[in-house]
Amino acid sequence: MTERAYFAGVGRRPEMFVGEASFPLLTAFLTGYDQHARRHGGPGLTGWHEWLVARRGHGCDHAWPGQVLHLALPNGWDDPWHLPPEDEQHAIEVLFALLDEFAAEREAARGSPASD
């Protein structure tokens, strides 16, 4: 299964992976995915933060979840742990759309889809 297929599956059914459709829980899950992949020699999400900063056009002090929120909610947010339901759903949709785009670009740079 490629990373793109895996991420798409998580995005379609986040409750199966983290219990509820929650932006903070999904970012924690993806951070764990990244750490596990790197520990076992995979790329994980290497380059993801930098890709998001480039996509956004400028950086800030936020880690990658904050970069995603800047892209998803350009008018800002008060508390990423307690987003209004419509903002949380939108942030999750944007997260997985961006992940798909990032993974697609990485696959294209490698020349073929990577199987994990």
C-alpha atoms as a PDB file:
ATOM      1  CA  MET A   1       0.000   0.000   0.000  1.00  0.00           C
ATOM      2  CA  THR A   2       1.386   3.402  -0.918  1.00  0.00           C
ATOM      3  CA  GLU A   3       1.555   6.267   1.549  1.00  0.00           C
ATOM      4  CA  ARG A   4      -1.072   8.071  -0.518  1.00  0.00           C
ATOM      5  CA  ALA A   5      -3.460   5.132  -0.248  1.00  0.00           C
ATOM      6  CA  TYR A   6      -2.791   4.797   3.476  1.00  0.00           C
ATOM      7  CA  PHE A   7      -3.356   8.509   4.149  1.00  0.00           C
ATOM      8  CA  ALA A   8      -6.512   8.461   2.009  1.00  0.00           C
ATOM      9  CA  GLY A   9      -7.858   5.586   4.101  1.00  0.00           C
ATOM     10  CA  VAL A  10      -7.145   7.422   7.333  1.00  0.00           C
ATOM     11  CA  GLY A  11      -8.767  10.554   5.933  1.00  0.00           C
ATOM     12  CA  ARG A  12     -11.901   8.670   4.869  1.00  0.00           C
ATOM     13  CA  ARG A  13     -12.360   6.924   8.222  1.00  0.00           C
ATOM     14  CA  PRO A  14     -10.460   8.829  10.930  1.00  0.00           C
ATOM     15  CA  GLU A  15     -12.639   7.296  13.651  1.00  0.00           C
ATOM     16  CA  MET A  16     -11.143   3.879  12.893  1.00  0.00           C
ATOM     17  CA  PHE A  17      -7.658   5.189  13.610  1.00  0.00           C
ATOM     18  CA  VAL A  18      -8.092   7.709  16.444  1.00  0.00           C
ATOM     19  CA  GLY A  19     -11.594   7.138  17.831  1.00  0.00           C
ATOM     20  CA  GLU A  20     -13.154  10.375  16.583  1.00  0.00           C
ATOM     21  CA  ALA A  21     -12.693  12.894  13.799  1.00  0.00           C
ATOM     22  CA  SER A  22     -10.411  15.249  15.743  1.00  0.00           C
ATOM     23  CA  PHE A  23      -7.737  17.473  14.221  1.00  0.00           C
ATOM     24  CA  PRO A  24      -5.457  17.241  17.299  1.00  0.00           C
ATOM     25  CA  LEU A  25      -5.839  13.455  17.522  1.00  0.00           C
ATOM     26  CA  LEU A  26      -5.114  13.040  13.814  1.00  0.00           C
ATOM     27  CA  THR A  27      -2.022  15.231  13.981  1.00  0.00           C
ATOM     28  CA  ALA A  28      -0.792  13.188  16.967  1.00  0.00           C
ATOM     29  CA  PHE A  29      -1.460   9.984  15.011  1.00  0.00           C
ATOM     30  CA  LEU A  30       0.466  11.309  11.998  1.00  0.00           C
ATOM     31  CA  THR A  31       3.353  12.399  14.228  1.00  0.00           C
ATOM     32  CA  GLY A  32       3.479   8.829  15.549  1.00  0.00           C
ATOM     33  CA  TYR A  33       3.379   7.500  11.977  1.00  0.00           C
ATOM     34  CA  ASP A  34       6.291   9.780  11.105  1.00  0.00           C
ATOM     35  CA  GLN A  35       8.382   8.717  14.090  1.00  0.00           C
ATOM     36  CA  HIS A  36       7.741   5.014  13.504  1.00  0.00           C
ATOM     37  CA  ALA A  37       8.584   5.257   9.807  1.00  0.00           C
ATOM     38  CA  ARG A  38      11.823   7.122  10.465  1.00  0.00           C
ATOM     39  CA  ARG A  39      12.845   4.711  13.235  1.00  0.00           C
ATOM     40  CA  HIS A  40      12.469   1.852  10.777  1.00  0.00           C
ATOM     41  CA  GLY A  41      14.308   3.515   7.881  1.00  0.00           C
ATOM     42  CA  GLY A  42      11.394   5.043   6.012  1.00  0.00           C
ATOM     43  CA  PRO A  43      10.992   8.669   5.024  1.00  0.00           C
ATOM     44  CA  GLY A  44       7.983   9.284   7.252  1.00  0.00           C
ATOM     45  CA  LEU A  45       6.913  12.877   6.821  1.00  0.00           C
ATOM     46  CA  THR A  46      10.413  14.177   6.106  1.00  0.00           C
ATOM     47  CA  GLY A  47      10.060  17.494   4.310  1.00  0.00           C
ATOM     48  CA  TRP A  48       6.364  17.913   5.220  1.00  0.00           C
ATOM     49  CA  HIS A  49       6.846  21.025   7.374  1.00  0.00           C
ATOM     50  CA  GLU A  50       9.057  22.683   4.779  1.00  0.00           C
ATOM     51  CA  TRP A  51       6.595  21.768   2.032  1.00  0.00           C
ATOM     52  CA  LEU A  52       3.758  23.371   3.997  1.00  0.00           C
ATOM     53  CA  VAL A  53       5.764  26.550   4.599  1.00  0.00           C
ATOM     54  CA  ALA A  54       6.542  26.756   0.862  1.00  0.00           C
ATOM     55  CA  ARG A  55       2.883  26.073   0.017  1.00  0.00           C
ATOM     56  CA  ARG A  56       1.785  28.827   2.381  1.00  0.00           C
ATOM     57  CA  GLY A  57       4.402  31.250   1.086  1.00  0.00           C
ATOM     58  CA  HIS A  58       5.903  32.129   4.460  1.00  0.00           C
ATOM     59  CA  GLY A  59       6.717  30.543   7.759  1.00  0.00           C
ATOM     60  CA  CYS A  60       6.046  31.212  11.397  1.00  0.00           C
ATOM     61  CA  ASP A  61       6.886  29.534  14.690  1.00  0.00           C
ATOM     62  CA  HIS A  62       4.149  26.897  14.352  1.00  0.00           C
ATOM     63  CA  ALA A  63       4.957  23.238  13.851  1.00  0.00           C
ATOM     64  CA  TRP A  64       3.337  21.490  10.903  1.00  0.00           C
ATOM     65  CA  PRO A  65      -0.150  21.225  12.494  1.00  0.00           C
ATOM     66  CA  GLY A  66      -0.177  25.007  12.864  1.00  0.00           C
ATOM     67  CA  GLN A  67       0.914  25.402   9.248  1.00  0.00           C
ATOM     68  CA  VAL A  68      -2.033  23.233   8.171  1.00  0.00           C
ATOM     69  CA  LEU A  69      -4.392  25.346  10.282  1.00  0.00           C
ATOM     70  CA  HIS A  70      -3.032  28.538   8.689  1.00  0.00           C
ATOM     71  CA  LEU A  71      -3.874  27.108   5.281  1.00  0.00           C
ATOM     72  CA  ALA A  72      -7.261  25.715   6.336  1.00  0.00           C
ATOM     73  CA  LEU A  73      -8.370  28.632   8.514  1.00  0.00           C
ATOM     74  CA  PRO A  74      -6.659  31.747   7.135  1.00  0.00           C
ATOM     75  CA  ASN A  75      -8.722  34.022   9.389  1.00  0.00           C
ATOM     76  CA  GLY A  76      -7.215  32.353  12.457  1.00  0.00           C
ATOM     77  CA  TRP A  77      -8.463  30.216  15.316  1.00  0.00           C
ATOM     78  CA  ASP A  78      -8.615  30.534  19.075  1.00  0.00           C
ATOM     79  CA  ASP A  79      -7.773  27.060  20.352  1.00  0.00           C
ATOM     80  CA  PRO A  80      -6.679  24.174  18.089  1.00  0.00           C
ATOM     81  CA  TRP A  81      -7.871  21.690  20.737  1.00  0.00           C
ATOM     82  CA  HIS A  82     -11.405  23.099  20.672  1.00  0.00           C
ATOM     83  CA  LEU A  83     -12.188  24.171  17.122  1.00  0.00           C
ATOM     84  CA  PRO A  84     -15.819  24.787  16.196  1.00  0.00           C
ATOM     85  CA  PRO A  85     -17.143  21.605  14.510  1.00  0.00           C
ATOM     86  CA  GLU A  86     -17.291  23.135  11.025  1.00  0.00           C
ATOM     87  CA  ASP A  87     -13.714  24.468  11.334  1.00  0.00           C
ATOM     88  CA  GLU A  88     -12.466  21.127  12.645  1.00  0.00           C
ATOM     89  CA  GLN A  89     -14.071  19.231   9.762  1.00  0.00           C
ATOM     90  CA  HIS A  90     -12.632  21.692   7.249  1.00  0.00           C
ATOM     91  CA  ALA A  91      -9.164  21.489   8.855  1.00  0.00           C
ATOM     92  CA  ILE A  92      -9.260  17.681   8.626  1.00  0.00           C
ATOM     93  CA  GLU A  93     -10.309  17.808   4.970  1.00  0.00           C
ATOM     94  CA  VAL A  94      -7.527  20.278   4.172  1.00  0.00           C
ATOM     95  CA  LEU A  95      -4.997  18.183   6.144  1.00  0.00           C
ATOM     96  CA  PHE A  96      -5.658  15.091   4.052  1.00  0.00           C
ATOM     97  CA  ALA A  97      -5.858  17.010   0.765  1.00  0.00           C
ATOM     98  CA  LEU A  98      -2.459  18.537   1.527  1.00  0.00           C
ATOM     99  CA  LEU A  99      -1.034  15.160   2.579  1.00  0.00           C
ATOM    100  CA  ASP A 100      -2.204  13.666  -0.707  1.00  0.00           C
ATOM    101  CA  GLU A 101      -0.586  16.462  -2.683  1.00  0.00           C
ATOM    102  CA  PHE A 102       2.659  16.151  -0.683  1.00  0.00           C
ATOM    103  CA  ALA A 103       2.759  12.362  -1.126  1.00  0.00           C
ATOM    104  CA  ALA A 104       1.985  12.664  -4.853  1.00  0.00           C
ATOM    105  CA  GLU A 105       4.851  15.099  -5.344  1.00  0.00           C
ATOM    106  CA  ARG A 106       7.198  12.862  -3.373  1.00  0.00           C
ATOM    107  CA  GLU A 107       6.167   9.818  -5.438  1.00  0.00           C
ATOM    108  CA  ALA A 108       6.725  11.756  -8.652  1.00  0.00           C
ATOM    109  CA  ALA A 109      10.187  12.847  -7.458  1.00  0.00           C
ATOM    110  CA  ARG A 110      11.077   9.204  -6.740  1.00  0.00           C
ATOM    111  CA  GLY A 111       9.799   8.121 -10.109  1.00  0.00           C
ATOM    112  CA  SER A 112       7.228   5.630  -8.847  1.00  0.00           C
ATOM    113  CA  PRO A 113       4.850   5.021  -5.962  1.00  0.00           C
ATOM    114  CA  ALA A 114       6.532   3.711  -2.829  1.00  0.00           C
ATOM    115  CA  SER A 115       5.025   0.690  -1.165  1.00  0.00           C
ATOM    116  CA  ASP A 116       5.042   0.444   2.597  1.00  0.00           C
END
